[in-house]
Protein backbone atom coordinates (compact mmCIF):
# COMPACT_ATOMS: atom_id res chain seq x y z
CA UNK A 1 94.73 145.00 93.57
CA UNK A 2 97.11 145.58 90.47
CA UNK A 3 99.24 142.65 89.43
CA UNK A 4 102.94 142.84 90.77
CA UNK A 5 106.09 142.68 89.00
CA UNK A 6 108.45 140.00 90.01
CA UNK A 7 110.61 142.40 92.08
CA UNK A 8 107.52 143.36 93.94
CA UNK A 9 106.33 139.78 94.45
CA UNK A 10 110.02 138.94 95.83
CA UNK A 11 109.66 141.96 98.19
CA UNK A 12 106.26 140.97 99.34
CA UNK A 13 107.51 137.41 100.18
CA UNK A 14 110.50 138.95 102.18
CA UNK A 15 108.53 141.05 104.20
CA UNK A 16 105.93 138.53 105.05
CA UNK A 17 108.69 136.12 106.30
CA UNK A 18 110.86 138.82 107.97
CA UNK A 19 110.40 138.87 111.84
CA UNK A 20 109.08 142.30 111.69
CA UNK A 21 108.48 142.92 115.38
CA UNK A 22 111.99 141.74 116.27
CA UNK A 23 113.26 144.21 113.60
CA UNK A 24 111.08 147.00 115.12
CA UNK A 25 112.63 146.28 118.51
CA UNK A 26 116.19 146.25 116.96
CA UNK A 27 115.34 149.53 115.27
CA UNK A 28 113.93 151.10 118.30
CA UNK A 29 117.02 149.86 120.38
CA UNK A 30 119.47 151.65 117.84
CA UNK A 31 117.46 154.85 117.82
CA UNK A 32 117.68 155.13 121.63
CA UNK A 33 121.38 154.78 121.68
CA UNK A 34 123.10 157.67 122.95
CA UNK A 35 126.52 158.43 120.95
CA UNK A 36 129.28 160.58 122.05
CA UNK A 37 128.28 164.33 121.85
CA UNK A 38 130.17 165.31 118.63
CA UNK A 39 129.05 162.04 116.78
CA UNK A 40 125.46 162.54 118.10
CA UNK A 41 125.34 165.96 116.75
CA UNK A 42 126.87 164.83 113.22
CA UNK A 43 124.14 162.03 113.20
CA UNK A 44 121.23 164.42 113.76
CA UNK A 45 122.44 167.04 111.49
CA UNK A 46 122.74 164.13 108.67
CA UNK A 47 119.31 163.08 109.39
CA UNK A 48 118.00 166.34 109.19
CA UNK A 49 119.74 167.28 105.85
CA UNK A 50 118.62 163.81 104.16
CA UNK A 51 114.98 164.34 105.15
CA UNK A 52 115.03 167.94 104.61
CA UNK A 53 113.51 168.38 107.89
CA UNK A 54 112.24 171.48 109.47
CA UNK A 55 112.90 171.59 113.04
CA UNK A 56 112.50 175.47 113.62
CA UNK A 57 109.32 174.86 115.90
CA UNK A 58 110.91 172.19 118.19
CA UNK A 59 110.95 172.74 121.80
CA UNK A 60 114.85 172.49 122.02
CA UNK A 61 117.68 173.25 119.57
CA UNK A 62 119.14 170.30 117.75
CA UNK A 63 122.19 169.88 119.91
CA UNK A 64 120.24 169.28 122.82
CA UNK A 65 118.60 165.87 121.81
CA UNK A 66 120.59 163.03 123.17
CA UNK A 67 119.59 160.36 120.73
CA UNK A 68 117.94 159.80 117.37
CA UNK A 69 114.77 158.71 119.28
CA UNK A 70 114.49 161.59 121.55
CA UNK A 71 114.63 164.01 118.58
CA UNK A 72 112.23 161.81 116.59
CA UNK A 73 109.78 162.22 119.55
CA UNK A 74 110.60 165.83 119.99
CA UNK A 75 107.84 168.10 121.18
CA UNK A 76 106.84 171.33 119.76
CA UNK A 77 107.66 174.83 121.18
CA UNK A 78 104.79 175.67 123.55
CA UNK A 79 101.93 177.19 122.06
CA UNK A 80 102.92 176.36 118.33
CA UNK A 81 100.43 176.00 115.70
CA UNK A 82 96.98 175.83 117.36
CA UNK A 83 94.72 178.34 115.54
CA UNK A 84 92.59 180.88 117.48
CA UNK A 85 89.21 179.95 115.62
CA UNK A 86 87.13 177.55 118.26
CA UNK A 87 85.20 176.56 115.20
CA UNK A 88 87.61 174.74 113.41
CA UNK A 89 88.84 171.21 113.61
CA UNK A 90 92.49 170.75 113.27
CA UNK A 91 94.76 168.03 111.85
CA UNK A 92 95.98 165.54 114.39
CA UNK A 93 99.47 164.81 112.90
CA UNK A 94 102.01 166.06 110.49
CA UNK A 95 102.23 164.16 107.29
CA UNK A 96 100.85 163.77 103.84
CA UNK A 97 97.18 163.05 103.19
CA UNK A 98 96.87 159.67 101.96
CA UNK A 99 92.87 160.15 101.45
CA UNK A 100 89.87 161.78 102.72
CA UNK A 101 86.03 160.89 102.25
CA UNK A 102 83.19 159.49 103.57
CA UNK A 103 83.39 156.15 105.57
CA UNK A 104 80.42 154.16 104.22
CA UNK A 105 79.44 150.96 106.30
CA UNK A 106 79.79 148.53 103.65
CA UNK A 107 82.13 150.11 101.15
CA UNK A 108 85.85 149.86 101.39
CA UNK A 109 87.68 152.89 102.81
CA UNK A 110 90.79 154.06 100.88
CA UNK A 111 93.96 155.20 102.16
CA UNK A 112 96.94 155.50 99.88
CA UNK A 113 95.78 152.60 97.66
CA UNK A 114 94.91 150.44 100.58
CA UNK A 115 91.16 149.28 100.84
CA UNK A 116 89.63 148.26 104.22
CA UNK A 117 86.45 148.28 105.89
CA UNK A 118 85.31 150.26 108.99
CA UNK A 119 84.45 147.33 111.15
CA UNK A 120 87.84 145.70 110.37
CA UNK A 121 89.88 148.89 110.90
CA UNK A 122 88.18 149.64 114.33
CA UNK A 123 87.39 145.92 115.49
CA UNK A 124 84.25 147.23 117.18
CA UNK A 125 80.98 146.87 115.65
CA UNK A 126 79.18 149.40 117.72
CA UNK A 127 81.84 152.16 117.02
CA UNK A 128 81.94 151.36 113.37
CA UNK A 129 78.14 151.54 113.16
CA UNK A 130 78.21 154.82 114.90
CA UNK A 131 80.75 156.46 112.66
CA UNK A 132 79.30 154.91 109.42
CA UNK A 133 78.49 157.50 106.86
CA UNK A 134 80.94 160.17 108.54
CA UNK A 135 83.88 161.80 107.04
CA UNK A 136 87.43 160.52 107.65
CA UNK A 137 91.13 161.71 106.91
CA UNK A 138 93.94 159.48 106.68
CA UNK A 139 97.50 161.17 107.17
CA UNK A 140 100.91 159.34 106.37
CA UNK A 141 103.89 160.31 108.66
CA UNK A 142 107.34 160.03 107.03
CA UNK A 143 110.48 160.11 108.80
CA UNK A 144 110.58 163.81 108.20
CA UNK A 145 107.64 164.67 110.20
CA UNK A 146 106.75 165.64 113.66
CA UNK A 147 105.67 162.34 115.33
CA UNK A 148 103.28 163.27 118.19
CA UNK A 149 99.57 163.18 117.73
CA UNK A 150 97.10 165.55 119.14
CA UNK A 151 93.28 165.85 119.48
CA UNK A 152 91.69 167.42 116.63
CA UNK A 153 88.84 168.80 118.80
CA UNK A 154 88.36 169.10 122.54
CA UNK A 155 86.06 166.70 124.54
CA UNK A 156 86.11 163.64 126.93
CA UNK A 157 88.13 160.51 126.26
CA UNK A 158 85.75 157.75 126.67
CA UNK A 159 87.66 154.83 125.68
CA UNK A 160 90.64 153.23 123.77
CA UNK A 161 91.16 150.01 122.07
CA UNK A 162 94.53 148.44 121.27
CA UNK A 163 94.24 145.84 118.48
CA UNK A 164 97.25 143.42 117.78
CA UNK A 165 98.43 142.95 114.34
CA UNK A 166 101.44 142.64 112.06
CA UNK A 167 103.90 145.44 111.35
CA UNK A 168 104.22 145.83 107.56
CA UNK A 169 105.90 149.12 106.38
CA UNK A 170 103.23 151.60 105.36
CA UNK A 171 105.15 153.09 102.38
CA UNK A 172 103.21 153.55 98.98
CA UNK A 173 104.74 150.19 97.60
CA UNK A 174 104.25 148.06 100.58
CA UNK A 175 100.54 149.42 100.76
CA UNK A 176 100.04 148.43 97.35
CA UNK A 177 101.54 144.97 97.71
CA UNK A 178 99.36 144.09 100.96
CA UNK A 179 95.66 144.39 100.61
CA UNK A 180 93.83 145.86 103.53
CA UNK A 181 97.44 146.74 105.19
CA UNK A 182 96.04 149.36 107.52
CA UNK A 183 93.39 146.88 109.14
CA UNK A 184 96.02 144.19 109.48
CA UNK A 185 98.70 146.14 111.23
CA UNK A 186 98.65 146.79 114.96
CA UNK A 187 96.56 149.62 115.82
CA UNK A 188 95.82 151.96 118.64
CA UNK A 189 92.48 153.67 118.83
CA UNK A 190 91.24 156.56 120.83
CA UNK A 191 87.67 157.30 121.12
CA UNK A 192 86.43 161.03 122.16
CA UNK A 193 83.00 162.50 122.84
CA UNK A 194 83.07 166.13 121.65
CA UNK A 195 80.88 169.05 120.66
CA UNK A 196 80.88 167.34 116.90
CA UNK A 197 79.77 163.96 118.56
CA UNK A 198 81.83 160.95 118.79
CA UNK A 199 85.03 160.64 116.88
CA UNK A 200 88.12 158.12 116.87
CA UNK A 201 91.74 158.63 116.24
CA UNK A 202 93.41 155.52 115.01
CA UNK A 203 97.22 155.42 115.26
CA UNK A 204 98.39 152.41 112.91
CA UNK A 205 101.75 150.99 113.81
CA UNK A 206 104.49 149.89 111.34
CA UNK A 207 107.74 148.47 111.09
CA UNK A 208 110.05 150.31 113.37
CA UNK A 209 106.72 151.74 115.03
CA UNK A 210 105.55 148.87 117.01
CA UNK A 211 105.86 151.21 120.16
CA UNK A 212 102.91 153.59 120.67
CA UNK A 213 102.42 155.53 124.03
CA UNK A 214 99.08 157.47 125.10
CA UNK A 215 99.78 160.92 126.51
CA UNK A 216 96.65 160.65 128.49
CA UNK A 217 96.91 157.26 129.91
CA UNK A 218 100.10 156.14 131.27
CA UNK A 219 99.05 152.45 131.08
CA UNK A 220 99.43 152.31 127.30
CA UNK A 221 102.90 151.70 126.19
CA UNK A 222 102.53 149.05 123.61
CA UNK A 223 106.16 147.53 124.01
CA UNK A 224 106.41 147.69 127.79
CA UNK A 225 106.70 144.25 129.38
CA UNK A 226 103.09 143.09 130.37
CA UNK A 227 101.32 145.07 127.65
CA UNK A 228 100.17 142.17 125.54
CA UNK A 229 100.67 142.58 121.49
CA UNK A 230 99.10 139.21 120.71
CA UNK A 231 95.75 139.76 122.04
CA UNK A 232 93.13 142.91 121.85
CA UNK A 233 92.55 144.94 124.92
CA UNK A 234 90.26 147.86 125.74
CA UNK A 235 89.49 150.37 128.54
CA UNK A 236 86.33 152.27 128.97
CA UNK A 237 86.60 155.19 131.48
CA UNK A 238 83.90 155.38 133.98
CA UNK A 239 85.44 159.10 134.56
CA UNK A 240 86.00 160.27 130.93
CA UNK A 241 89.42 162.14 130.66
CA UNK A 242 88.82 165.65 129.63
CA UNK A 243 91.14 167.01 126.74
CA UNK A 244 91.57 170.13 124.70
CA UNK A 245 91.91 170.70 121.12
CA UNK A 246 95.48 170.60 120.23
CA UNK A 247 96.27 168.78 123.54
CA UNK A 248 98.70 165.94 123.10
CA UNK A 249 97.15 162.31 122.36
CA UNK A 250 100.14 159.94 121.88
CA UNK A 251 103.41 159.49 120.24
CA UNK A 252 104.71 157.33 117.42
CA UNK A 253 108.18 156.06 118.72
CA UNK A 254 109.04 156.27 114.96
CA UNK A 255 106.26 157.11 112.76
CA UNK A 256 103.20 155.64 110.60
CA UNK A 257 99.83 156.64 109.76
CA UNK A 258 96.90 158.37 111.44
CA UNK A 259 93.16 157.70 110.48
CA UNK A 260 90.67 159.95 112.12
CA UNK A 261 86.91 159.32 111.62
CA UNK A 262 83.96 161.46 112.77
CA UNK A 263 80.12 160.93 113.22
CA UNK A 264 78.16 161.78 110.20
CA UNK A 265 76.47 165.14 109.94
CA UNK A 266 78.50 166.79 112.55
CA UNK A 267 81.39 168.39 110.72
CA UNK A 268 82.03 170.06 107.34
CA UNK A 269 85.41 168.84 105.82
CA UNK A 270 87.54 171.33 103.86
CA UNK A 271 88.57 170.38 100.51
CA UNK A 272 91.68 168.15 101.31
CA UNK A 273 93.55 166.90 98.23
CA UNK A 274 95.33 163.49 98.33
CA UNK A 275 99.00 163.98 98.40
CA UNK A 276 98.94 167.32 100.17
CA UNK A 277 101.36 168.01 102.98
CA UNK A 278 99.49 169.03 106.13
CA UNK A 279 100.81 170.07 109.63
CA UNK A 280 99.30 169.28 112.97
CA UNK A 281 97.24 172.07 114.10
CA UNK A 282 96.23 173.27 110.58
CA UNK A 283 92.44 173.71 110.01
CA UNK A 284 91.08 170.66 108.11
CA UNK A 285 87.36 170.98 108.93
CA UNK A 286 84.54 173.40 110.36
CA UNK A 287 81.91 172.81 113.06
CA UNK A 288 78.40 173.82 111.88
């Protein structure tokens, strides 16, 4: 880890002391407020301009969204983006590719400068062992991106795990300040059996993003009363949930990072450069 400047050390100390979950709840509360119509439209137009956001493939026109939260978690227009080639694996989310490579069992994985190990990220030794040596891709979602996450391949959801943690921001500077940040923040892992073997999609929470929902299981709403965030919990499906490629997996209620990991030898990743923008539904790998 590079040495930090005085200002970075100060920021590091401040973020470590801040009540990040309370701050996230306040951000969420503000994002859900419904303002008078003209003021709401002005706020949304300002948000779009500030982040140079393209909402042309949104399900509704901008004026139809009653709060910043409803726009932030907007759906795409039906049928958007999924390619016709059934032999392709697609990006699960919009965003910027932090890193892609091979998730070795004993070597640290890298994403946007953060280093962490597969067992620490997944908190499941058996799953980590099965995915060790397989390809992965990490995608950072900025405020300008579409914030629903989709299945990169069809198959059957066999399990999910919710792993408690902190809620550090996941911007470049925060990642550089906090060792192993992605394996320290709260995470939600979806495990799928597919034609390419088993794969996992990890949704990493961050400040303002402590609320994650799973579209395939109404039980998962991480800020709902009764859904504990201070202890790990998991679910193994006796009847796996059938899903299709491109089907909605879950929602970041304000955004963060996805890390998708595949079994070794089952797919061939495209040449994906770090810092490249990618859109959900864009092909990123090929089945053999």
